[in-house]
Amino acid sequence: MGRVAVLGGTPSDKSNLIVGLALRQARLHGSIFCLDARHHQQIELQLRLLLRQQTHYRYVRVSGDVSAEIARSVLSVVGDSLSSKSTPAPLLLCDCLTETLDWERTIQFLLKANATIVEILASPAALTFGRYDTVLLMREPANTADALSRAAGRKVSVENITQLKAGEAWLIHLTQVHYVKFPRIGDEESKLRS
């Protein structure tokens, strides 16, 4: 899938998305690494209880900078998963990390190694044109939905963003826009309409 940016949503929406993606990856016996700069306790608790040893979870400093030690850990997990060809591509879940040149180089290396990277962005300003194959816009109140719509090139209207419910989003992949409904944890179905 490549690199996915996620904008909008409540803290709970973001946490549910991360946990849901991790659970799906675990069912496929794939490697999961979660870097959490938002420090939302729900994520850590659910990942540690539901997935136990299947997930690598690390807090990132409050500044959101990824240390060299953490980057090495991520590279190690990805390297280990690439050696077993029967598993799906590794999944890296990044929650509100700060962009640095060194971390961006690591991300580019991971993408070349076929990793899937899902980044919860701290603000619409973090959405850099051309960096992401896919953008996921989650619900947001009217006073902040305009910034999300602008960041996504107005491919989704403010009204469409504000009308989303929990577990729903607009998925923008290159030039196509789709409405998506996330499966509930434990539910295997999702809905997609163009």
Protein backbone atom coordinates (compact mmCIF):
# COMPACT_ATOMS: atom_id res chain seq x y z
CA MET A 1 0.00 0.00 0.00
CA GLY A 2 2.94 2.38 0.48
CA ARG A 3 2.60 5.50 2.61
CA VAL A 4 -0.73 6.66 4.05
CA ALA A 5 -1.42 9.97 5.79
CA VAL A 6 -4.30 10.24 8.26
CA LEU A 7 -5.82 13.62 9.12
CA GLY A 8 -8.65 14.56 11.45
CA GLY A 9 -10.57 12.44 13.87
CA THR A 10 -10.91 12.47 17.63
CA PRO A 11 -8.17 10.94 19.80
CA SER A 12 -10.40 7.89 20.16
CA ASP A 13 -10.94 7.66 16.36
CA LYS A 14 -7.18 7.71 15.80
CA SER A 15 -6.57 5.11 18.49
CA ASN A 16 -9.28 2.81 17.11
CA LEU A 17 -7.79 3.09 13.63
CA ILE A 18 -4.31 2.19 14.85
CA VAL A 19 -5.53 -0.75 16.91
CA GLY A 20 -7.79 -1.99 14.09
CA LEU A 21 -4.94 -1.90 11.56
CA ALA A 22 -2.64 -3.68 14.01
CA LEU A 23 -5.23 -6.40 14.66
CA ARG A 24 -5.70 -6.97 10.93
CA GLN A 25 -1.94 -7.23 10.42
CA ALA A 26 -1.64 -9.64 13.36
CA ARG A 27 -4.32 -11.91 11.85
CA LEU A 28 -2.18 -12.08 8.72
CA HIS A 29 0.87 -12.87 10.89
CA GLY A 30 2.67 -9.72 9.79
CA SER A 31 5.13 -7.55 11.70
CA ILE A 32 3.78 -4.45 13.42
CA PHE A 33 5.72 -1.53 14.86
CA CYS A 34 3.89 1.40 16.48
CA LEU A 35 5.65 4.67 17.28
CA ASP A 36 3.46 6.83 19.52
CA ALA A 37 4.25 10.50 20.11
CA ARG A 38 0.67 11.32 21.13
CA HIS A 39 0.96 8.99 24.16
CA HIS A 40 -2.69 8.02 24.04
CA GLN A 41 -2.91 5.34 26.74
CA GLN A 42 -5.72 3.51 24.95
CA ILE A 43 -3.34 2.55 22.13
CA GLU A 44 -0.64 1.11 24.36
CA LEU A 45 -3.10 -0.73 26.57
CA GLN A 46 -5.02 -2.30 23.68
CA LEU A 47 -1.92 -3.22 21.68
CA ARG A 48 -0.21 -4.81 24.67
CA LEU A 49 -3.33 -6.68 25.84
CA LEU A 50 -4.69 -7.80 22.48
CA LEU A 51 -1.50 -8.49 20.58
CA ARG A 52 1.02 -9.25 23.30
CA GLN A 53 4.31 -10.25 21.63
CA GLN A 54 3.15 -9.63 18.06
CA THR A 55 3.54 -5.84 18.26
CA HIS A 56 6.54 -3.65 18.88
CA TYR A 57 5.34 -0.51 20.64
CA ARG A 58 7.50 2.48 21.54
CA TYR A 59 6.81 5.86 23.07
CA VAL A 60 8.51 8.69 21.26
CA ARG A 61 9.67 11.79 23.15
CA VAL A 62 7.09 14.51 23.64
CA SER A 63 8.80 16.50 20.86
CA GLY A 64 7.88 13.70 18.44
CA ASP A 65 11.48 13.25 17.25
CA VAL A 66 12.47 9.67 16.48
CA SER A 67 15.82 8.82 18.08
CA ALA A 68 18.53 6.88 16.26
CA GLU A 69 17.96 3.99 18.69
CA ILE A 70 14.26 3.75 17.79
CA ALA A 71 15.04 4.01 14.06
CA ARG A 72 17.48 1.09 14.42
CA SER A 73 14.78 -0.93 16.22
CA VAL A 74 12.31 -0.26 13.40
CA LEU A 75 14.89 -1.27 10.78
CA SER A 76 15.66 -4.45 12.72
CA VAL A 77 11.99 -5.49 12.90
CA VAL A 78 11.50 -4.76 9.19
CA GLY A 79 14.67 -6.69 8.34
CA ASP A 80 13.52 -9.69 10.37
CA SER A 81 10.11 -9.68 8.71
CA LEU A 82 11.63 -9.48 5.24
CA SER A 83 13.62 -12.64 5.89
CA SER A 84 10.38 -14.63 6.24
CA LYS A 85 8.75 -14.37 2.83
CA SER A 86 5.44 -15.96 3.80
CA THR A 87 4.25 -12.99 5.85
CA PRO A 88 2.74 -9.76 4.53
CA ALA A 89 4.79 -6.58 4.27
CA PRO A 90 5.62 -5.06 7.66
CA LEU A 91 3.30 -2.35 9.00
CA LEU A 92 4.67 0.77 10.65
CA LEU A 93 2.11 2.89 12.53
CA CYS A 94 3.37 6.41 13.29
CA ASP A 95 1.29 8.58 15.60
CA CYS A 96 2.09 12.32 15.41
CA LEU A 97 5.83 12.05 14.79
CA THR A 98 7.91 15.10 13.96
CA GLU A 99 9.45 15.13 10.51
CA THR A 100 13.24 15.22 10.43
CA LEU A 101 15.60 14.64 7.54
CA ASP A 102 17.08 11.50 9.15
CA TRP A 103 13.67 10.01 9.88
CA GLU A 104 12.49 10.80 6.34
CA ARG A 105 15.50 8.92 4.95
CA THR A 106 14.59 5.96 7.16
CA ILE A 107 10.98 6.12 5.90
CA GLN A 108 12.19 6.13 2.27
CA PHE A 109 14.36 3.08 2.95
CA LEU A 110 11.43 1.26 4.59
CA LEU A 111 9.19 2.05 1.62
CA LYS A 112 11.80 0.60 -0.75
CA ALA A 113 11.78 -2.51 1.46
CA ASN A 114 8.01 -2.75 0.75
CA ALA A 115 6.83 -1.70 4.23
CA THR A 116 3.39 -0.12 4.64
CA ILE A 117 3.55 3.10 6.63
CA VAL A 118 0.48 4.74 8.15
CA GLU A 119 1.12 8.17 9.65
CA ILE A 120 -1.33 10.00 11.88
CA LEU A 121 -0.40 13.61 11.11
CA ALA A 122 -0.48 16.19 13.89
CA SER A 123 -1.89 18.90 11.63
CA PRO A 124 -2.99 19.50 8.03
CA ALA A 125 0.20 21.53 7.49
CA ALA A 126 2.17 18.26 7.82
CA LEU A 127 0.58 16.90 4.64
CA THR A 128 3.31 17.42 2.04
CA PHE A 129 2.28 17.17 -1.61
CA GLY A 130 3.71 14.11 -3.36
CA ARG A 131 4.87 12.36 -0.20
CA TYR A 132 1.78 10.19 0.35
CA ASP A 133 0.11 7.75 -2.03
CA THR A 134 -3.05 7.77 0.04
CA VAL A 135 -4.70 10.24 2.40
CA LEU A 136 -7.43 9.32 4.87
CA LEU A 137 -9.65 12.16 6.12
CA MET A 138 -11.58 11.39 9.29
CA ARG A 139 -14.41 13.36 10.90
CA GLU A 140 -13.66 16.85 12.09
CA PRO A 141 -15.80 19.76 13.37
CA ALA A 142 -16.67 22.56 10.94
CA ASN A 143 -14.18 25.03 12.40
CA THR A 144 -11.22 22.75 11.54
CA ALA A 145 -12.61 20.74 8.62
CA ASP A 146 -11.78 23.54 6.17
CA ALA A 147 -8.05 23.10 6.83
CA LEU A 148 -8.35 19.36 6.09
CA SER A 149 -10.27 20.02 2.88
CA ARG A 150 -7.65 22.57 1.75
CA ALA A 151 -4.76 20.23 2.61
CA ALA A 152 -6.35 17.54 0.43
CA GLY A 153 -6.74 19.90 -2.52
CA ARG A 154 -10.48 20.32 -1.96
CA LYS A 155 -11.09 16.78 -3.24
CA VAL A 156 -13.48 16.37 -0.30
CA SER A 157 -15.77 19.19 0.79
CA VAL A 158 -15.95 20.60 4.30
CA GLU A 159 -19.56 19.40 4.48
CA ASN A 160 -18.55 15.83 3.59
CA ILE A 161 -15.89 15.84 6.32
CA THR A 162 -18.18 17.22 9.02
CA GLN A 163 -20.93 14.70 8.22
CA LEU A 164 -18.69 11.69 8.90
CA LYS A 165 -19.46 9.53 11.91
CA ALA A 166 -17.07 7.56 14.09
CA GLY A 167 -15.48 4.79 12.04
CA GLU A 168 -15.99 6.55 8.71
CA ALA A 169 -13.52 8.44 6.51
CA TRP A 170 -12.76 9.71 3.04
CA LEU A 171 -9.93 7.84 1.36
CA ILE A 172 -8.06 9.72 -1.36
CA HIS A 173 -5.75 7.53 -3.42
CA LEU A 174 -3.93 9.48 -6.13
CA THR A 175 -6.86 10.99 -8.07
CA GLN A 176 -9.69 8.79 -6.76
CA VAL A 177 -11.85 9.60 -3.74
CA HIS A 178 -13.77 6.92 -1.82
CA TYR A 179 -15.98 6.91 1.25
CA VAL A 180 -14.92 4.12 3.62
CA LYS A 181 -16.38 2.64 6.76
CA PHE A 182 -13.92 0.87 9.05
CA PRO A 183 -14.78 -2.54 10.40
CA ARG A 184 -15.40 -2.68 14.11
CA ILE A 185 -12.78 -4.56 16.04
CA GLY A 186 -13.67 -8.21 15.60
CA ASP A 187 -15.82 -7.50 12.54
CA GLU A 188 -14.32 -8.53 9.18
CA GLU A 189 -16.53 -6.38 6.94
CA SER A 190 -15.86 -2.90 5.63
CA LYS A 191 -17.77 -0.87 3.14
CA LEU A 192 -16.34 1.09 0.21
CA ARG A 193 -18.14 3.30 -2.23
CA SER A 194 -16.80 5.72 -4.82
